[in-house]
Amino acid sequence: MTPIDLGLSDSIFVLAVRGCIYEEMDEECLTEDLLEVDLRTGKTIEVGWVPDGDPSGHFRIIIFQDYWTNQIGSPIYSDDPVQAVKWIRYLTGLHGDNSFTCLDSDKFPDEGLIYDPNPQTNRDTVEA
């Protein structure tokens, strides 16, 4: 399996990256704990596969401040590992320095993915 390069190794926004996402995800890799990106702002981007172990599931991307229970916005869901990585890069730029600075803003994730920065909204399923 080949891991996808997140392109964050030289980012000034990132403290640590744990885990990876593969171009093709084998069934044993479909876990809720795939990847974490710790940002200098105290925020963490967490990527997992839900439901755990289910090949028909989705990547779930969550960003939180300090603790997992302190989530910012609603989860983002994607079936495509490349799109998931685009979201990770976008969120790293958006939340990495407390300003709206975006890495590769010309590569904003395709429409149809869910990102709702309004914490009042909670979407637990993927919209068709």
N, C-alpha and C. Protein backbone atom coordinates (compact mmCIF):
# COMPACT_ATOMS: atom_id res chain seq x y z
N MET A 1 0.84 -1.18 0.00
CA MET A 1 0.00 0.00 0.00
C MET A 1 0.89 1.24 0.00
N THR A 2 0.45 2.24 -0.73
CA THR A 2 1.21 3.48 -0.83
C THR A 2 0.49 4.59 -0.07
N PRO A 3 1.15 5.18 0.94
CA PRO A 3 0.51 6.29 1.65
C PRO A 3 0.48 7.55 0.77
N ILE A 4 -0.55 8.33 0.92
CA ILE A 4 -0.67 9.59 0.21
C ILE A 4 0.14 10.64 0.96
N ASP A 5 0.97 11.38 0.23
CA ASP A 5 1.75 12.46 0.83
C ASP A 5 0.80 13.60 1.17
N LEU A 6 0.73 13.95 2.44
CA LEU A 6 -0.14 15.03 2.88
C LEU A 6 0.40 16.39 2.48
N GLY A 7 1.68 16.47 2.18
CA GLY A 7 2.29 17.74 1.81
C GLY A 7 2.40 18.70 2.98
N LEU A 8 2.45 18.16 4.19
CA LEU A 8 2.48 19.01 5.38
C LEU A 8 3.83 18.95 6.10
N SER A 9 4.79 18.22 5.55
CA SER A 9 6.05 18.00 6.27
C SER A 9 6.82 19.29 6.53
N ASP A 10 6.66 20.28 5.67
CA ASP A 10 7.37 21.54 5.88
C ASP A 10 6.42 22.68 6.27
N SER A 11 5.21 22.34 6.69
CA SER A 11 4.24 23.36 7.07
C SER A 11 4.59 23.96 8.42
N ILE A 12 4.57 25.28 8.49
CA ILE A 12 4.83 25.96 9.77
C ILE A 12 3.65 25.82 10.72
N PHE A 13 2.51 25.35 10.23
CA PHE A 13 1.31 25.23 11.04
C PHE A 13 1.26 23.94 11.84
N VAL A 14 2.04 22.94 11.44
CA VAL A 14 1.89 21.58 11.96
C VAL A 14 2.97 21.26 13.00
N LEU A 15 2.53 20.74 14.14
CA LEU A 15 3.45 20.25 15.17
C LEU A 15 3.79 18.78 14.96
N ALA A 16 2.78 17.96 14.65
CA ALA A 16 3.00 16.52 14.51
C ALA A 16 1.92 15.90 13.62
N VAL A 17 2.32 14.83 12.92
CA VAL A 17 1.39 14.02 12.13
C VAL A 17 1.58 12.58 12.56
N ARG A 18 0.47 11.93 12.94
CA ARG A 18 0.51 10.52 13.33
C ARG A 18 -0.47 9.74 12.45
N GLY A 19 0.04 8.69 11.82
CA GLY A 19 -0.80 7.87 10.97
C GLY A 19 -0.70 8.29 9.51
N CYS A 20 -1.51 7.66 8.67
CA CYS A 20 -1.52 8.00 7.24
C CYS A 20 -2.81 7.51 6.60
N ILE A 21 -2.98 7.98 5.37
CA ILE A 21 -4.09 7.53 4.52
C ILE A 21 -3.46 6.94 3.27
N TYR A 22 -3.96 5.80 2.84
CA TYR A 22 -3.42 5.12 1.67
C TYR A 22 -4.26 5.39 0.44
N GLU A 23 -3.62 5.32 -0.73
CA GLU A 23 -4.34 5.51 -1.99
C GLU A 23 -5.47 4.50 -2.13
N GLU A 24 -5.19 3.27 -1.73
CA GLU A 24 -6.21 2.22 -1.70
C GLU A 24 -6.21 1.65 -0.30
N MET A 25 -7.35 1.72 0.34
CA MET A 25 -7.46 1.31 1.73
C MET A 25 -7.89 -0.16 1.81
N ASP A 26 -7.01 -1.01 2.37
CA ASP A 26 -7.38 -2.40 2.62
C ASP A 26 -8.36 -2.45 3.79
N GLU A 27 -9.14 -3.50 3.82
CA GLU A 27 -10.18 -3.63 4.84
C GLU A 27 -9.64 -3.55 6.26
N GLU A 28 -8.45 -4.10 6.51
CA GLU A 28 -7.89 -4.06 7.86
C GLU A 28 -7.45 -2.65 8.27
N CYS A 29 -7.34 -1.74 7.30
CA CYS A 29 -6.95 -0.35 7.60
C CYS A 29 -8.15 0.55 7.90
N LEU A 30 -9.33 0.03 7.70
CA LEU A 30 -10.53 0.86 7.86
C LEU A 30 -10.90 0.99 9.34
N THR A 31 -10.16 1.83 10.05
CA THR A 31 -10.38 2.01 11.48
C THR A 31 -10.75 3.46 11.78
N GLU A 32 -11.28 3.68 12.95
CA GLU A 32 -11.68 5.02 13.36
C GLU A 32 -10.48 5.90 13.70
N ASP A 33 -9.30 5.32 13.80
CA ASP A 33 -8.10 6.07 14.15
C ASP A 33 -7.06 5.94 13.04
N LEU A 34 -7.22 6.69 11.95
CA LEU A 34 -6.29 6.61 10.83
C LEU A 34 -5.18 7.64 10.91
N LEU A 35 -5.54 8.88 11.28
CA LEU A 35 -4.59 9.97 11.15
C LEU A 35 -4.94 11.10 12.11
N GLU A 36 -3.92 11.71 12.69
CA GLU A 36 -4.09 12.93 13.50
C GLU A 36 -3.04 13.94 13.07
N VAL A 37 -3.46 15.19 12.91
CA VAL A 37 -2.56 16.29 12.61
C VAL A 37 -2.71 17.30 13.74
N ASP A 38 -1.65 17.49 14.52
CA ASP A 38 -1.65 18.47 15.61
C ASP A 38 -1.14 19.79 15.07
N LEU A 39 -1.95 20.84 15.25
CA LEU A 39 -1.61 22.17 14.76
C LEU A 39 -1.02 23.03 15.87
N ARG A 40 -0.25 24.02 15.51
CA ARG A 40 0.38 24.92 16.49
C ARG A 40 -0.64 25.72 17.29
N THR A 41 -1.85 25.82 16.81
CA THR A 41 -2.89 26.58 17.49
C THR A 41 -3.57 25.79 18.61
N GLY A 42 -3.13 24.53 18.83
CA GLY A 42 -3.77 23.69 19.83
C GLY A 42 -4.94 22.90 19.27
N LYS A 43 -5.20 23.05 17.98
CA LYS A 43 -6.27 22.30 17.33
C LYS A 43 -5.69 21.02 16.75
N THR A 44 -6.55 20.03 16.60
CA THR A 44 -6.17 18.74 16.03
C THR A 44 -7.17 18.36 14.95
N ILE A 45 -6.64 17.90 13.82
CA ILE A 45 -7.47 17.33 12.76
C ILE A 45 -7.37 15.82 12.91
N GLU A 46 -8.51 15.17 13.05
CA GLU A 46 -8.53 13.72 13.22
C GLU A 46 -9.31 13.09 12.08
N VAL A 47 -8.73 12.05 11.49
CA VAL A 47 -9.36 11.34 10.38
C VAL A 47 -9.55 9.89 10.77
N GLY A 48 -10.75 9.41 10.56
CA GLY A 48 -11.05 8.01 10.83
C GLY A 48 -11.99 7.46 9.79
N TRP A 49 -12.21 6.17 9.83
CA TRP A 49 -13.14 5.50 8.92
C TRP A 49 -14.34 5.06 9.74
N VAL A 50 -15.54 5.45 9.30
CA VAL A 50 -16.76 5.07 10.00
C VAL A 50 -17.77 4.47 9.03
N PRO A 51 -18.49 3.46 9.46
CA PRO A 51 -18.26 2.70 10.68
C PRO A 51 -16.96 1.89 10.58
N ASP A 52 -16.36 1.70 11.72
CA ASP A 52 -15.09 1.01 11.86
C ASP A 52 -15.14 -0.36 11.16
N GLY A 53 -14.20 -0.58 10.22
CA GLY A 53 -14.10 -1.86 9.55
C GLY A 53 -15.09 -2.13 8.43
N ASP A 54 -16.03 -1.22 8.18
CA ASP A 54 -17.07 -1.43 7.17
C ASP A 54 -16.61 -0.88 5.82
N PRO A 55 -16.39 -1.73 4.81
CA PRO A 55 -15.91 -1.27 3.51
C PRO A 55 -16.85 -0.27 2.83
N SER A 56 -18.11 -0.25 3.21
CA SER A 56 -19.05 0.70 2.60
C SER A 56 -19.11 2.01 3.39
N GLY A 57 -18.19 2.19 4.35
CA GLY A 57 -18.18 3.40 5.17
C GLY A 57 -17.54 4.58 4.48
N HIS A 58 -17.12 5.56 5.28
CA HIS A 58 -16.59 6.82 4.76
C HIS A 58 -15.46 7.31 5.67
N PHE A 59 -14.60 8.15 5.09
CA PHE A 59 -13.66 8.90 5.91
C PHE A 59 -14.45 9.95 6.67
N ARG A 60 -14.13 10.13 7.95
CA ARG A 60 -14.73 11.19 8.75
C ARG A 60 -13.58 12.07 9.23
N ILE A 61 -13.70 13.36 8.96
CA ILE A 61 -12.67 14.31 9.35
C ILE A 61 -13.27 15.26 10.37
N ILE A 62 -12.61 15.34 11.51
CA ILE A 62 -13.07 16.18 12.61
C ILE A 62 -11.93 17.11 13.00
N ILE A 63 -12.27 18.34 13.35
CA ILE A 63 -11.27 19.24 13.91
C ILE A 63 -11.76 19.66 15.29
N PHE A 64 -10.83 19.65 16.25
CA PHE A 64 -11.21 20.03 17.61
C PHE A 64 -10.11 20.84 18.26
N GLN A 65 -10.50 21.56 19.32
CA GLN A 65 -9.57 22.38 20.09
C GLN A 65 -9.29 21.69 21.41
N ASP A 66 -8.04 21.31 21.63
CA ASP A 66 -7.56 20.73 22.88
C ASP A 66 -8.11 19.33 23.18
N TYR A 67 -9.41 19.14 23.14
CA TYR A 67 -10.02 17.86 23.49
C TYR A 67 -11.02 17.44 22.42
N TRP A 68 -11.14 16.13 22.16
CA TRP A 68 -12.02 15.60 21.14
C TRP A 68 -13.46 16.06 21.33
N THR A 69 -13.87 16.25 22.57
CA THR A 69 -15.25 16.67 22.85
C THR A 69 -15.49 18.14 22.52
N ASN A 70 -14.44 18.89 22.22
CA ASN A 70 -14.55 20.31 21.90
C ASN A 70 -14.40 20.50 20.38
N GLN A 71 -15.31 19.87 19.62
CA GLN A 71 -15.23 19.90 18.17
C GLN A 71 -15.62 21.26 17.60
N ILE A 72 -14.97 21.60 16.50
CA ILE A 72 -15.23 22.84 15.78
C ILE A 72 -16.02 22.48 14.53
N GLY A 73 -17.24 22.93 14.44
CA GLY A 73 -18.06 22.60 13.28
C GLY A 73 -18.52 21.16 13.29
N SER A 74 -19.03 20.74 12.17
CA SER A 74 -19.52 19.38 12.00
C SER A 74 -18.48 18.53 11.29
N PRO A 75 -18.57 17.22 11.44
CA PRO A 75 -17.64 16.35 10.72
C PRO A 75 -17.78 16.50 9.21
N ILE A 76 -16.69 16.22 8.51
CA ILE A 76 -16.68 16.18 7.05
C ILE A 76 -16.58 14.71 6.67
N TYR A 77 -17.35 14.29 5.67
CA TYR A 77 -17.34 12.90 5.23
C TYR A 77 -16.92 12.82 3.77
N SER A 78 -16.13 11.82 3.43
CA SER A 78 -15.72 11.60 2.05
C SER A 78 -15.47 10.11 1.83
N ASP A 79 -15.76 9.65 0.62
CA ASP A 79 -15.47 8.27 0.24
C ASP A 79 -14.10 8.15 -0.39
N ASP A 80 -13.53 9.26 -0.81
CA ASP A 80 -12.32 9.28 -1.62
C ASP A 80 -11.11 9.72 -0.79
N PRO A 81 -10.05 8.90 -0.72
CA PRO A 81 -8.89 9.28 0.08
C PRO A 81 -8.20 10.55 -0.42
N VAL A 82 -8.20 10.78 -1.73
CA VAL A 82 -7.57 12.00 -2.26
C VAL A 82 -8.36 13.23 -1.81
N GLN A 83 -9.67 13.15 -1.85
CA GLN A 83 -10.49 14.27 -1.38
C GLN A 83 -10.31 14.48 0.12
N ALA A 84 -10.18 13.40 0.88
CA ALA A 84 -9.95 13.53 2.32
C ALA A 84 -8.65 14.28 2.58
N VAL A 85 -7.60 13.98 1.81
CA VAL A 85 -6.33 14.67 1.97
C VAL A 85 -6.46 16.14 1.60
N LYS A 86 -7.24 16.45 0.56
CA LYS A 86 -7.47 17.85 0.20
C LYS A 86 -8.14 18.60 1.36
N TRP A 87 -9.09 17.94 2.02
CA TRP A 87 -9.75 18.57 3.17
C TRP A 87 -8.76 18.78 4.31
N ILE A 88 -7.89 17.81 4.54
CA ILE A 88 -6.90 17.95 5.61
C ILE A 88 -6.01 19.15 5.34
N ARG A 89 -5.54 19.29 4.10
CA ARG A 89 -4.70 20.43 3.74
C ARG A 89 -5.45 21.74 3.89
N TYR A 90 -6.70 21.75 3.45
CA TYR A 90 -7.51 22.96 3.56
C TYR A 90 -7.70 23.35 5.03
N LEU A 91 -8.08 22.39 5.84
CA LEU A 91 -8.31 22.67 7.26
C LEU A 91 -7.02 23.07 7.99
N THR A 92 -5.90 22.51 7.56
CA THR A 92 -4.61 22.89 8.15
C THR A 92 -4.35 24.37 7.91
N GLY A 93 -4.59 24.83 6.70
CA GLY A 93 -4.42 26.25 6.40
C GLY A 93 -5.44 27.12 7.10
N LEU A 94 -6.67 26.65 7.15
CA LEU A 94 -7.75 27.43 7.76
C LEU A 94 -7.57 27.59 9.26
N HIS A 95 -7.14 26.54 9.94
CA HIS A 95 -7.06 26.54 11.40
C HIS A 95 -5.63 26.57 11.94
N GLY A 96 -4.65 26.56 11.06
CA GLY A 96 -3.26 26.44 11.49
C GLY A 96 -2.68 27.68 12.12
N ASP A 97 -3.21 28.84 11.78
CA ASP A 97 -2.64 30.07 12.36
C ASP A 97 -3.71 31.05 12.80
N ASN A 98 -4.90 30.55 13.07
CA ASN A 98 -6.02 31.38 13.54
C ASN A 98 -6.42 32.47 12.56
N SER A 99 -6.15 32.26 11.30
CA SER A 99 -6.62 33.19 10.27
C SER A 99 -7.05 32.38 9.07
N PHE A 100 -7.69 33.01 8.14
CA PHE A 100 -8.16 32.30 6.96
C PHE A 100 -7.07 32.28 5.90
N THR A 101 -5.99 31.57 6.20
CA THR A 101 -4.91 31.35 5.25
C THR A 101 -5.02 29.91 4.81
N CYS A 102 -5.09 29.67 3.54
CA CYS A 102 -5.34 28.30 3.06
C CYS A 102 -4.17 27.78 2.24
N LEU A 103 -3.68 26.58 2.56
CA LEU A 103 -2.70 25.91 1.73
C LEU A 103 -3.39 25.48 0.44
N ASP A 104 -2.76 25.73 -0.69
CA ASP A 104 -3.30 25.30 -1.98
C ASP A 104 -4.77 25.65 -2.12
N SER A 105 -5.12 26.91 -1.94
CA SER A 105 -6.52 27.31 -2.00
C SER A 105 -7.14 27.02 -3.36
N ASP A 106 -6.30 26.92 -4.40
CA ASP A 106 -6.83 26.58 -5.72
C ASP A 106 -7.25 25.11 -5.79
N LYS A 107 -6.89 24.33 -4.77
CA LYS A 107 -7.23 22.92 -4.74
C LYS A 107 -8.30 22.66 -3.68
N PHE A 108 -9.20 23.63 -3.48
CA PHE A 108 -10.27 23.45 -2.51
C PHE A 108 -11.06 22.19 -2.87
N PRO A 109 -11.42 21.41 -1.90
CA PRO A 109 -12.14 20.15 -2.18
C PRO A 109 -13.39 20.36 -3.02
N ASP A 110 -13.68 19.34 -3.80
CA ASP A 110 -14.83 19.41 -4.69
C ASP A 110 -16.12 19.64 -3.94
N GLU A 111 -17.08 20.24 -4.64
CA GLU A 111 -18.40 20.41 -4.06
C GLU A 111 -19.01 19.04 -3.80
N GLY A 112 -19.97 18.99 -2.93
CA GLY A 112 -20.63 17.73 -2.62
C GLY A 112 -20.16 17.14 -1.32
N LEU A 113 -18.96 17.56 -0.85
CA LEU A 113 -18.52 17.13 0.46
C LEU A 113 -19.14 18.06 1.49
N ILE A 114 -19.28 17.59 2.69
CA ILE A 114 -19.94 18.36 3.73
C ILE A 114 -18.91 19.06 4.59
N TYR A 115 -18.98 20.37 4.68
CA TYR A 115 -18.24 21.09 5.71
C TYR A 115 -19.14 22.20 6.20
N ASP A 116 -19.53 22.12 7.42
CA ASP A 116 -20.40 23.12 8.01
C ASP A 116 -19.70 23.69 9.23
N PRO A 117 -19.13 24.90 9.13
CA PRO A 117 -18.42 25.46 10.26
C PRO A 117 -19.32 25.93 11.39
N ASN A 118 -20.62 25.82 11.21
CA ASN A 118 -21.58 26.23 12.22
C ASN A 118 -21.75 25.11 13.25
N PRO A 119 -21.24 25.30 14.48
CA PRO A 119 -21.32 24.21 15.46
C PRO A 119 -22.75 23.90 15.91
N GLN A 120 -23.71 24.73 15.52
CA GLN A 120 -25.11 24.46 15.89
C GLN A 120 -25.67 23.31 15.06
N THR A 121 -25.03 23.06 13.91
CA THR A 121 -25.51 22.02 13.00
C THR A 121 -24.74 20.75 13.25
N ASN A 122 -25.44 19.62 13.28
CA ASN A 122 -24.74 18.35 13.46
C ASN A 122 -25.27 17.36 12.46
N ARG A 123 -24.46 17.05 11.46
CA ARG A 123 -24.86 16.08 10.43
C ARG A 123 -24.10 14.80 10.69
N ASP A 124 -24.81 13.72 10.92
CA ASP A 124 -24.15 12.47 11.22
C ASP A 124 -24.11 11.54 10.02
N THR A 125 -24.74 11.92 8.92
CA THR A 125 -24.74 11.06 7.76
C THR A 125 -24.29 11.84 6.53
N VAL A 126 -23.90 11.13 5.52
CA VAL A 126 -23.49 11.76 4.28
C VAL A 126 -24.72 12.11 3.49
N GLU A 127 -24.75 13.33 2.98
CA GLU A 127 -25.89 13.73 2.14
C GLU A 127 -25.63 13.31 0.72
N ALA A 128 -26.67 12.85 0.06
CA ALA A 128 -26.54 12.42 -1.34
C ALA A 128 -26.57 13.61 -2.26
